[in-house]
Structures are given as C-alpha cells and as structure tokens.
Amino acid sequence: MVQSIRSLSANIADLLLDVVFLVDRRGIIVDVSAGCERMLGYRPTELIGQYMLDLVVPEDRAITCMESARVQAGQERVGFENRYLHKDGRRVDVMWSARYIADHGLRLGVGRDISARKRAERRQAATYAISEAVYHAGDLAGLCGEIHAILDRLVGAPGMVVVSDPTPQHGFKIIYQRDHDPKTRLPSRACLARWRATATAPDSVASDAVRHVGGGRLNTWLMIDLGGPAGTIGALLLRDHAGTGYSPADRGLLHFVAAQVGLALERKRLHDDLMRSACHDELTGLPNRRLFFDRIRTAVARARRCHSRLGLLYVDVNDFKQVNDCYGHAAGDALLREVAARLVECARESDTVARLGGDEFVLLLEDLQAPEDAEHCADKIRAALVRPVPTQCAPLHIGVSIGIGLFPDHADQVETLLMHADAHMYTRKRAHKCGES
C-alpha cells in the first residue's frame, strides 16, 4: 500500500510540477518526488530518512509544528506558507497543501516554490514600510533603526551599518550602527576605507563584500551604495545572517531596498534642511523669530506653572548701519556672525539665543534665581563684546544696547514682556546716543 501511495505521489508530482513529500508521525521524510532537487537542491536520496523540520528556517519551525499537528489531527490544509533552507544556504518560500493518511500514519504534502511571488511582495512591503518610517521617524538615526527592523524581518539582517560617503576632510560619518549579536564586532572605519579604495563595480563580489576578523571569528558584511538624486550619498552594510552570503535573489531585493533607503535618507535630509531653514537664521544659524516666539510661549507657560522666574534680554548693535555704509555688507555680516557667536558663549545650554532680524538679538534666560541674574548676564555680554571684530577691512569695535524684561516682575504675558524689554533697550540706546553727542 505504501508503495502504491508513493507511486501516486510521483504521478501527482509529474502532473503538478510541484514537490510531494510523505512524512511519518515522527516528522521523518519517507519519500519525496524528484522535484525536491529543483526546489531545495537536494536529491530525493539525500532527504529520505531526514527530519522534515530540520529543513525549515529556524524562525518558522514553531508555526510549522503547529500546522503539522493540525494536519495529523485530520484537518486538510491548503495555502500554508513557510520557508525552507536550500542546500546552498538561501531561503525558499513554499506554499503547502496537505492531508493526513490515517491508515498509514503519513502526511502527504504538496509544496510549491513561491519565492518569486514573495520577493515581489517583499519589495512592495519594503517600499511601503520605508515610506511609513520616513514619515514617522524623528531623525536620521531613528529612521535607520526603523529600516534595520524592516530588513531584519524581510531577509534576516541582524547587523546593519549606514555611513555617509567619505570626504577628504572628514572621511566616513557613521549615521547608524547596530548588531543584535553582541559577539560580532562592527566594521571599523579603516575597513570601510579599504573597501572604498578597492571597490570597482557595484555588483562584483569583491566590491560588495566586507570581511574582517572580530571577536575571534570572520565576519562577512554585504555593502551596497546608497544613491540619491545627486549621486552616491553613502553605503548600507548588512551582516550575513548565516555565514553563507546573501542569495542572488536576496541581493537583488537588497539593492532595490538600498535604492529606496538612499531616496528616503535624501528626502529626510532635505526635510530636515527645510525645517532648519524655516526655524533658523541663515546668516548666524541661530533660532529665528518664528522659533523664538514658540520657545518663549512655552517658557512663560512653564514658568507660570512652576512659579519660577525667567529673563528676556533684548540686544541691539549700536551704529550697525554705519558699519554697512563704511565697510560694506560683507563686513556687516561678519560682525553679526561674531556677535551671535559671543552671545552663545555667554548663555547657558538651557538658554535660547535668537536673531529677530537686522541687528536685533534676544536671549531667553529660564529658571533665574534672582532678578540680578539677568543684569549679570548683560554685564557678561558687554564684557565679551569689548574685543574688536577682525574683518578684511579693519577691526570693528562692537557696542550694544541691552534691554531687560523679567517674568513675572515686569510682565506676566509674552507680548507685554517683549514690549517692556524692547522699551528698556531703546532707553539704553537713546542714552548711548546722548552720551556721544
């Protein structure tokens, strides 16, 4: 009877061009059709007597055991999918139809290689998931972390490194690096530099494999260029999960994903640049009027809630128009950049230094212990600006007028606080002009 079942399975295999397995209650392969060599790389004689579960990808073994139990319980199953290890180490996606032959205690399973369809699905899933990650990620490192998780689910990538393209001044900049295996040592910058120096063709074995010894063992990484609209912007490195190298099919998928990653990183970088341009002054790099008003509203609300004091210093450069008229706008720009840098030096990390426009700057000082602290900061600024600013034309001496507003001493609303500091600054400015005359 078993022989007749084997003959039947062979005939089915010939008709369907799929692979037919006969497996006993213990999970041992009793017979298999010749198509197994086409699908998994093994001849039937190599598989008969082996445990079927040993061929299954480790991550899929638990669900495969559950499915086998259902079949042995008498349920006919159609459309179950799992992954098997090919003889060459690559992974093969298989869809099964199975039933249990109770009289002989055998499971009859017909497997179909659906790797091509699954690769197409993974491409689509990767594109969608990366687009979602770009939308939700807060920064480039966070975005790369999301992409790492996506690739690990798709093809098994426990280790990942993302680097920017090297420059003569700074070399590589590591944007993201992580390996789930703590025993694996990530490639060093020197290793990456050697790879870049010897790489010739993007798809050659020599150029996309990085091998180095770390932790007493050989680690192999696949390295793929990340391209953007302006050309190569960096590289994506993925650690070989099995030590056998990524299959040609997986490499094709990874090159496709790398292209999406490159575009995503470029879009994220452009978005960050646009956000920075929208919230920061182009000349000095300081927060601009928009970002400053957002921060002062938040700071006043926090101070009101915590019953704390904050200070606002309104800083205006004296006689700035004369600098532009006498020495040109390039000298004026150099002066403003130097004023901004010295103001930042006088502020704490928790303070905000912003340029409102022209020659007007503000300092937002949070959590002041006493009203005198704001005046001490103003004195510190005046002392810092005593030193002349060197320019191509001549050293320029800086004079500033500083107005001070305190919350809640002078005002308890943002607008009135700004008006008080502004009025105090103009009082100082008029006193400076009267002193000159």
Protein backbone atom coordinates (compact mmCIF):
# COMPACT_ATOMS: atom_id res chain seq x y z
CA MET A 1 0.00 0.00 0.00
CA VAL A 2 2.81 2.40 0.88
CA GLN A 3 4.37 1.62 -2.48
CA SER A 4 1.11 2.48 -4.24
CA ILE A 5 0.93 5.77 -2.30
CA ARG A 6 4.47 6.54 -3.37
CA SER A 7 3.55 5.85 -6.98
CA LEU A 8 0.50 8.08 -6.62
CA SER A 9 2.61 10.91 -5.17
CA ALA A 10 5.08 10.61 -8.04
CA ASN A 11 2.26 10.80 -10.59
CA ILE A 12 0.82 13.87 -8.83
CA ALA A 13 4.23 15.50 -8.88
CA ASP A 14 4.60 14.85 -12.59
CA LEU A 15 1.22 16.45 -13.25
CA LEU A 16 1.55 19.50 -10.98
CA LEU A 17 5.28 20.08 -11.39
CA ASP A 18 5.35 20.61 -7.61
CA VAL A 19 7.13 18.66 -4.89
CA VAL A 20 5.38 15.87 -3.00
CA PHE A 21 6.55 14.77 0.46
CA LEU A 22 5.45 11.78 2.51
CA VAL A 23 6.28 12.28 6.19
CA ASP A 24 5.59 9.87 9.07
CA ARG A 25 4.26 10.66 12.55
CA ARG A 26 7.77 11.41 13.85
CA GLY A 27 8.33 14.00 11.15
CA ILE A 28 10.79 11.86 9.16
CA ILE A 29 10.67 12.03 5.36
CA VAL A 30 9.56 8.64 3.98
CA ASP A 31 9.55 9.60 0.33
CA VAL A 32 9.84 12.73 -1.81
CA SER A 33 9.42 13.43 -5.50
CA ALA A 34 12.30 14.34 -7.81
CA GLY A 35 11.19 17.97 -7.89
CA CYS A 36 12.85 18.48 -4.50
CA GLU A 37 16.19 18.94 -6.25
CA ARG A 38 14.76 21.79 -8.31
CA MET A 39 13.19 23.45 -5.27
CA LEU A 40 15.67 22.74 -2.45
CA GLY A 41 18.79 21.49 -4.22
CA TYR A 42 18.70 18.01 -2.65
CA ARG A 43 18.25 14.70 -4.46
CA PRO A 44 15.49 12.50 -3.02
CA THR A 45 18.03 10.04 -1.64
CA GLU A 46 19.61 12.85 0.40
CA LEU A 47 16.31 13.70 2.09
CA ILE A 48 14.71 10.32 2.77
CA GLY A 49 15.25 9.47 6.42
CA GLN A 50 15.84 13.10 7.45
CA TYR A 51 13.65 15.11 9.79
CA MET A 52 11.48 17.45 7.75
CA LEU A 53 11.69 20.16 10.40
CA ASP A 54 15.48 20.35 10.01
CA LEU A 55 14.94 21.84 6.56
CA VAL A 56 12.67 24.60 7.87
CA VAL A 57 14.09 28.06 8.58
CA PRO A 58 14.54 28.24 12.39
CA GLU A 59 12.19 31.22 12.78
CA ASP A 60 9.37 29.24 11.09
CA ARG A 61 9.71 25.97 12.99
CA ALA A 62 7.26 26.72 15.79
CA ILE A 63 4.41 27.64 13.44
CA THR A 64 5.29 24.68 11.19
CA CYS A 65 4.94 22.29 14.16
CA MET A 66 1.51 23.74 14.90
CA GLU A 67 0.47 23.30 11.28
CA SER A 68 1.73 19.68 11.25
CA ALA A 69 -0.33 18.95 14.36
CA ARG A 70 -3.47 20.25 12.66
CA VAL A 71 -2.83 18.02 9.64
CA GLN A 72 -2.22 14.95 11.82
CA ALA A 73 -5.47 15.76 13.63
CA GLY A 74 -7.27 15.18 10.34
CA GLN A 75 -7.63 18.74 9.01
CA GLU A 76 -6.99 19.23 5.32
CA ARG A 77 -4.83 22.31 4.94
CA VAL A 78 -4.43 24.44 1.80
CA GLY A 79 -2.27 27.54 1.41
CA PHE A 80 0.02 27.29 4.44
CA GLU A 81 3.30 29.15 3.81
CA ASN A 82 6.71 28.78 5.41
CA ARG A 83 10.37 28.98 4.46
CA TYR A 84 12.92 26.24 3.84
CA LEU A 85 16.70 26.25 3.64
CA HIS A 86 18.08 25.45 0.21
CA LYS A 87 21.16 23.28 0.01
CA ASP A 88 23.22 26.34 -0.91
CA GLY A 89 22.01 28.21 2.20
CA ARG A 90 19.44 30.52 0.67
CA ARG A 91 15.84 30.60 1.82
CA VAL A 92 12.97 29.25 -0.26
CA ASP A 93 9.34 30.28 0.27
CA VAL A 94 6.98 27.31 -0.04
CA MET A 95 3.18 27.10 -0.07
CA TRP A 96 1.66 23.78 1.05
CA SER A 97 -1.43 21.72 0.54
CA ALA A 98 -1.51 18.78 2.93
CA ARG A 99 -3.68 15.97 4.28
CA TYR A 100 -3.21 13.05 6.68
CA ILE A 101 -3.47 9.42 5.51
CA ALA A 102 -4.58 7.87 8.78
CA ASP A 103 -4.43 4.24 7.63
CA HIS A 104 -0.68 4.52 7.10
CA GLY A 105 0.17 7.31 9.55
CA LEU A 106 1.63 9.52 6.83
CA ARG A 107 1.26 13.18 5.99
CA LEU A 108 1.01 13.90 2.28
CA GLY A 109 2.19 17.41 1.44
CA VAL A 110 2.40 19.12 -1.94
CA GLY A 111 4.76 22.08 -1.89
CA ARG A 112 5.05 24.87 -4.43
CA ASP A 113 8.00 27.27 -4.67
CA ILE A 114 6.51 30.76 -4.32
CA SER A 115 9.82 32.58 -3.80
CA ALA A 116 9.34 34.82 -6.84
CA ARG A 117 5.92 35.98 -5.64
CA LYS A 118 7.17 36.50 -2.09
CA ARG A 119 10.11 38.55 -3.37
CA ALA A 120 7.68 40.81 -5.22
CA GLU A 121 5.56 41.09 -2.07
CA ARG A 122 8.63 41.89 -0.01
CA ARG A 123 9.63 44.61 -2.45
CA GLN A 124 6.19 46.15 -2.12
CA ALA A 125 6.19 45.73 1.65
CA ALA A 126 9.67 47.27 1.93
CA THR A 127 8.68 50.29 -0.14
CA TYR A 128 5.56 50.88 1.93
CA ALA A 129 7.26 50.24 5.28
CA ILE A 130 10.21 52.51 4.47
CA SER A 131 7.84 55.25 3.35
CA GLU A 132 5.99 54.89 6.66
CA ALA A 133 9.29 55.00 8.54
CA VAL A 134 10.34 58.18 6.75
CA TYR A 135 7.04 59.80 7.72
CA HIS A 136 7.23 58.86 11.41
CA ALA A 137 10.98 58.95 12.17
CA GLY A 138 12.26 61.92 14.16
CA ASP A 139 15.85 61.90 12.88
CA LEU A 140 18.18 60.00 10.54
CA ALA A 141 19.38 57.60 13.24
CA GLY A 142 15.79 56.80 14.17
CA LEU A 143 14.90 56.32 10.51
CA CYS A 144 17.82 53.91 10.03
CA GLY A 145 16.70 51.95 13.09
CA GLU A 146 13.25 51.52 11.56
CA ILE A 147 14.78 50.43 8.25
CA HIS A 148 17.01 47.94 10.08
CA ALA A 149 13.97 46.33 11.70
CA ILE A 150 12.24 46.15 8.31
CA LEU A 151 15.20 44.46 6.61
CA ASP A 152 15.69 42.04 9.51
CA ARG A 153 12.08 40.91 9.09
CA LEU A 154 12.36 40.63 5.32
CA VAL A 155 15.68 38.86 4.76
CA GLY A 156 17.26 38.41 8.19
CA ALA A 157 19.75 41.25 8.76
CA PRO A 158 20.84 41.14 12.42
CA GLY A 159 23.61 43.68 11.87
CA MET A 160 23.39 46.95 9.98
CA VAL A 161 25.61 50.00 9.48
CA VAL A 162 24.77 53.14 7.49
CA VAL A 163 27.60 55.53 6.62
CA SER A 164 27.80 58.74 4.65
CA ASP A 165 30.04 58.92 1.61
CA PRO A 166 33.64 59.73 2.68
CA THR A 167 35.12 63.19 2.24
CA PRO A 168 38.83 64.10 2.20
CA GLN A 169 38.35 66.25 5.31
CA HIS A 170 36.17 64.03 7.50
CA GLY A 171 36.21 60.53 5.98
CA PHE A 172 33.18 58.38 6.81
CA LYS A 173 30.42 59.58 9.09
CA ILE A 174 28.57 56.72 10.76
CA ILE A 175 24.87 57.57 10.75
CA TYR A 176 23.67 54.31 12.31
CA GLN A 177 25.25 51.09 13.55
CA ARG A 178 23.84 48.15 15.43
CA ASP A 179 24.17 44.39 15.63
CA HIS A 180 21.77 42.14 17.50
CA ASP A 181 24.65 39.76 18.24
CA PRO A 182 26.91 41.33 20.93
CA LYS A 183 29.75 38.98 19.94
CA THR A 184 30.02 40.47 16.47
CA ARG A 185 32.38 43.39 16.00
CA LEU A 186 31.19 46.02 13.56
CA PRO A 187 33.47 47.00 10.64
CA SER A 188 35.94 49.73 11.53
CA ARG A 189 36.38 52.98 9.60
CA ALA A 190 39.72 51.65 8.36
CA CYS A 191 38.00 48.55 6.99
CA LEU A 192 35.41 50.70 5.24
CA ALA A 193 38.10 52.93 3.80
CA ARG A 194 39.96 49.92 2.38
CA TRP A 195 36.76 48.67 0.80
CA ARG A 196 36.09 52.03 -0.80
CA ALA A 197 39.63 52.23 -2.11
CA THR A 198 39.45 48.80 -3.81
CA ALA A 199 35.82 48.76 -4.95
CA THR A 200 35.42 48.66 -8.70
CA ALA A 201 31.97 47.52 -9.76
CA PRO A 202 28.82 47.76 -7.61
CA ASP A 203 27.75 44.17 -8.23
CA SER A 204 31.12 42.42 -8.13
CA VAL A 205 31.86 40.03 -5.30
CA ALA A 206 34.99 41.95 -4.35
CA SER A 207 33.24 45.28 -4.06
CA ASP A 208 30.13 44.36 -2.13
CA ALA A 209 31.63 42.04 0.48
CA VAL A 210 33.41 43.37 3.54
CA ARG A 211 35.22 40.75 5.56
CA HIS A 212 37.07 41.36 8.77
CA VAL A 213 38.07 39.43 11.86
CA GLY A 214 36.38 40.48 15.09
CA GLY A 215 35.77 38.59 18.31
CA GLY A 216 37.94 35.73 17.08
CA ARG A 217 35.84 34.95 14.02
CA LEU A 218 35.41 36.06 10.43
CA ASN A 219 32.51 38.43 9.90
CA THR A 220 31.08 38.99 6.44
CA TRP A 221 29.06 42.06 5.51
CA LEU A 222 27.27 42.98 2.31
CA MET A 223 27.98 46.60 1.37
CA ILE A 224 25.67 48.44 -1.06
CA ASP A 225 25.94 52.01 -2.28
CA LEU A 226 23.15 54.37 -1.29
CA GLY A 227 22.29 56.66 -4.18
CA GLY A 228 20.44 59.94 -4.13
CA PRO A 229 19.41 62.42 -6.82
CA ALA A 230 22.88 63.99 -6.64
CA GLY A 231 24.75 60.66 -6.74
CA THR A 232 26.16 58.35 -4.08
CA ILE A 233 25.41 59.65 -0.58
CA GLY A 234 26.69 56.72 1.49
CA ALA A 235 26.63 52.97 1.93
CA LEU A 236 24.44 50.35 3.57
CA LEU A 237 26.14 47.40 5.29
CA LEU A 238 24.24 44.26 6.29
CA ARG A 239 25.80 41.40 8.21
CA ASP A 240 25.48 37.96 6.64
CA HIS A 241 22.97 36.18 8.87
CA ALA A 242 24.10 32.64 8.09
CA GLY A 243 27.73 33.00 7.08
CA THR A 244 26.95 31.72 3.59
CA GLY A 245 26.32 35.04 1.87
CA TYR A 246 23.06 36.52 0.66
CA SER A 247 21.49 34.70 -2.27
CA PRO A 248 21.33 36.40 -5.68
CA ALA A 249 17.59 36.84 -5.17
CA ASP A 250 18.09 38.42 -1.75
CA ARG A 251 20.85 40.64 -3.13
CA GLY A 252 18.52 41.85 -5.84
CA LEU A 253 15.92 42.69 -3.20
CA LEU A 254 18.54 44.40 -1.02
CA HIS A 255 19.81 46.52 -3.91
CA PHE A 256 16.22 47.56 -4.55
CA VAL A 257 15.70 48.36 -0.84
CA ALA A 258 19.03 50.22 -0.73
CA ALA A 259 17.80 52.46 -3.54
CA GLN A 260 14.68 53.18 -1.50
CA VAL A 261 16.82 53.80 1.60
CA GLY A 262 19.01 56.24 -0.33
CA LEU A 263 15.98 58.16 -1.55
CA ALA A 264 14.44 58.08 1.93
CA LEU A 265 17.61 59.41 3.55
CA GLU A 266 17.89 62.12 0.91
CA ARG A 267 14.25 63.14 1.44
CA LYS A 268 14.72 63.11 5.19
CA ARG A 269 17.86 65.22 4.91
CA LEU A 270 16.11 67.70 2.62
CA HIS A 271 13.15 67.82 5.01
CA ASP A 272 15.46 68.48 7.96
CA ASP A 273 17.25 71.20 5.97
CA LEU A 274 13.92 72.83 5.11
CA MET A 275 12.78 72.67 8.73
CA ARG A 276 16.06 74.16 9.86
CA SER A 277 15.81 76.92 7.26
CA ALA A 278 12.27 77.65 8.40
CA CYS A 279 13.27 77.93 12.06
CA HIS A 280 16.85 79.23 11.98
CA ASP A 281 18.54 82.36 10.74
CA GLU A 282 20.55 81.68 7.58
CA LEU A 283 23.38 84.09 8.40
CA THR A 284 24.09 83.18 12.05
CA GLY A 285 22.49 79.75 12.42
CA LEU A 286 20.58 80.99 15.49
CA PRO A 287 16.86 80.35 16.05
CA ASN A 288 14.85 82.88 14.08
CA ARG A 289 11.80 84.92 15.08
CA ARG A 290 9.38 82.03 14.47
CA LEU A 291 11.27 79.53 16.64
CA PHE A 292 11.97 82.15 19.33
CA PHE A 293 8.28 83.02 19.77
CA ASP A 294 7.44 79.33 20.01
CA ARG A 295 10.06 78.87 22.73
CA ILE A 296 9.16 81.96 24.74
CA ARG A 297 5.49 80.99 24.82
CA THR A 298 6.46 77.55 26.08
CA ALA A 299 8.89 79.02 28.61
CA VAL A 300 6.37 81.51 30.01
CA ALA A 301 3.74 78.77 30.37
CA ARG A 302 6.27 76.58 32.17
CA ALA A 303 7.40 79.43 34.44
CA ARG A 304 3.79 80.26 35.30
CA ARG A 305 3.09 76.62 36.13
CA CYS A 306 6.27 76.16 38.20
CA HIS A 307 6.19 79.64 39.81
CA SER A 308 9.69 80.35 38.51
CA ARG A 309 11.34 83.44 37.05
CA LEU A 310 12.68 83.98 33.55
CA GLY A 311 14.51 86.85 31.92
CA LEU A 312 14.46 88.35 28.44
CA LEU A 313 17.46 90.31 27.14
CA TYR A 314 16.85 92.47 24.05
CA VAL A 315 20.23 93.17 22.39
CA ASP A 316 20.70 95.79 19.67
CA VAL A 317 24.04 96.52 17.95
CA ASN A 318 24.85 100.22 18.14
CA ASP A 319 25.60 102.11 14.93
CA PHE A 320 25.31 98.97 12.77
CA LYS A 321 24.12 100.96 9.75
CA GLN A 322 27.40 102.89 9.75
CA VAL A 323 29.32 99.61 9.51
CA ASN A 324 27.41 98.65 6.36
CA ASP A 325 27.76 102.14 4.90
CA CYS A 326 31.50 102.46 5.61
CA TYR A 327 32.80 98.92 5.14
CA GLY A 328 30.16 97.13 3.09
CA HIS A 329 27.64 94.38 3.79
CA ALA A 330 30.28 91.64 3.93
CA ALA A 331 31.84 93.34 6.95
CA GLY A 332 28.39 93.83 8.45
CA ASP A 333 27.61 90.13 8.03
CA ALA A 334 30.93 89.17 9.65
CA LEU A 335 30.10 91.46 12.56
CA LEU A 336 26.66 89.91 13.06
CA ARG A 337 28.08 86.38 12.96
CA GLU A 338 30.67 87.29 15.59
CA VAL A 339 28.06 88.94 17.82
CA ALA A 340 25.93 85.77 17.56
CA ALA A 341 28.87 83.55 18.47
CA ARG A 342 29.79 85.66 21.51
CA LEU A 343 26.19 85.77 22.72
CA VAL A 344 26.06 81.97 22.58
CA GLU A 345 29.27 81.83 24.64
CA CYS A 346 27.61 84.00 27.31
CA ALA A 347 24.46 81.87 27.51
CA ARG A 348 23.82 78.60 29.30
CA GLU A 349 22.90 75.46 27.38
CA SER A 350 19.33 75.79 28.63
CA ASP A 351 19.03 79.38 27.34
CA THR A 352 17.87 80.42 23.88
CA VAL A 353 19.83 82.92 21.79
CA ALA A 354 17.89 84.11 18.73
CA ARG A 355 18.18 86.70 15.98
CA LEU A 356 14.94 88.57 15.40
CA GLY A 357 16.25 90.31 12.29
CA GLY A 358 18.69 93.01 11.24
CA ASP A 359 20.96 93.81 14.18
CA GLU A 360 18.48 92.70 16.89
CA PHE A 361 19.12 89.65 19.09
CA VAL A 362 17.33 88.24 22.13
CA LEU A 363 18.36 85.93 24.95
CA LEU A 364 15.73 83.92 26.79
CA LEU A 365 17.00 83.01 30.29
CA GLU A 366 14.96 80.39 32.14
CA ASP A 367 14.94 79.49 35.86
CA LEU A 368 16.60 82.64 37.16
CA GLN A 369 17.24 82.55 40.90
CA ALA A 370 17.11 86.34 41.36
CA PRO A 371 16.37 89.46 39.25
CA GLU A 372 20.05 90.41 39.43
CA ASP A 373 20.97 87.30 37.41
CA ALA A 374 19.67 88.92 34.22
CA GLU A 375 21.79 92.03 34.82
CA HIS A 376 24.83 89.85 35.49
CA CYS A 377 24.27 88.16 32.12
CA ALA A 378 24.01 91.58 30.44
CA ASP A 379 27.31 92.62 32.03
CA LYS A 380 28.88 89.38 30.80
CA ILE A 381 27.71 90.15 27.27
CA ARG A 382 29.12 93.67 27.33
CA ALA A 383 32.48 92.32 28.53
CA ALA A 384 32.51 89.65 25.81
CA LEU A 385 31.85 92.23 23.11
CA VAL A 386 34.67 94.56 24.14
CA ARG A 387 37.14 92.74 21.94
CA PRO A 388 37.18 94.16 18.37
CA VAL A 389 35.99 92.01 15.49
CA PRO A 390 38.65 91.45 12.80
CA THR A 391 37.40 91.91 9.22
CA GLN A 392 39.08 92.20 5.83
CA CYS A 393 38.70 95.98 6.00
CA ALA A 394 39.54 96.90 9.59
CA PRO A 395 38.95 95.74 13.16
CA LEU A 396 35.42 96.72 14.21
CA HIS A 397 34.50 97.69 17.75
CA ILE A 398 31.13 96.48 18.91
CA GLY A 399 28.76 98.45 21.08
CA VAL A 400 25.37 97.10 22.13
CA SER A 401 22.29 98.35 23.94
CA ILE A 402 20.61 95.75 26.15
CA GLY A 403 17.05 95.90 27.46
CA ILE A 404 15.89 93.57 30.21
CA GLY A 405 12.42 92.18 30.92
CA LEU A 406 11.60 89.82 33.79
CA PHE A 407 8.71 87.42 34.24
CA PRO A 408 6.67 87.89 36.39
CA ASP A 409 8.33 91.04 37.81
CA HIS A 410 7.76 93.29 34.79
CA ALA A 411 5.00 91.42 32.96
CA ASP A 412 3.10 88.14 33.10
CA GLN A 413 2.25 87.84 29.39
CA VAL A 414 4.56 87.20 26.43
CA GLU A 415 3.58 90.32 24.49
CA THR A 416 3.90 92.73 27.42
CA LEU A 417 7.20 91.15 28.46
CA LEU A 418 8.59 91.73 24.96
CA MET A 419 7.31 95.30 24.94
CA HIS A 420 8.97 96.00 28.31
CA ALA A 421 12.36 94.60 27.20
CA ASP A 422 12.14 96.46 23.87
CA ALA A 423 11.30 99.77 25.57
CA HIS A 424 14.15 99.28 28.06
CA MET A 425 16.55 98.59 25.17
CA TYR A 426 15.55 101.80 23.36
CA THR A 427 16.03 103.77 26.58
CA ARG A 428 19.60 102.45 26.74
CA LYS A 429 20.09 103.19 23.05
CA ARG A 430 18.97 106.80 23.44
CA ALA A 431 21.30 107.18 26.43
CA HIS A 432 24.17 105.88 24.24
CA LYS A 433 23.43 108.45 21.51
CA CYS A 434 23.11 111.27 24.04
CA GLY A 435 26.46 110.26 25.50
CA GLU A 436 28.05 110.51 22.05
CA SER A 437 26.61 113.96 21.45
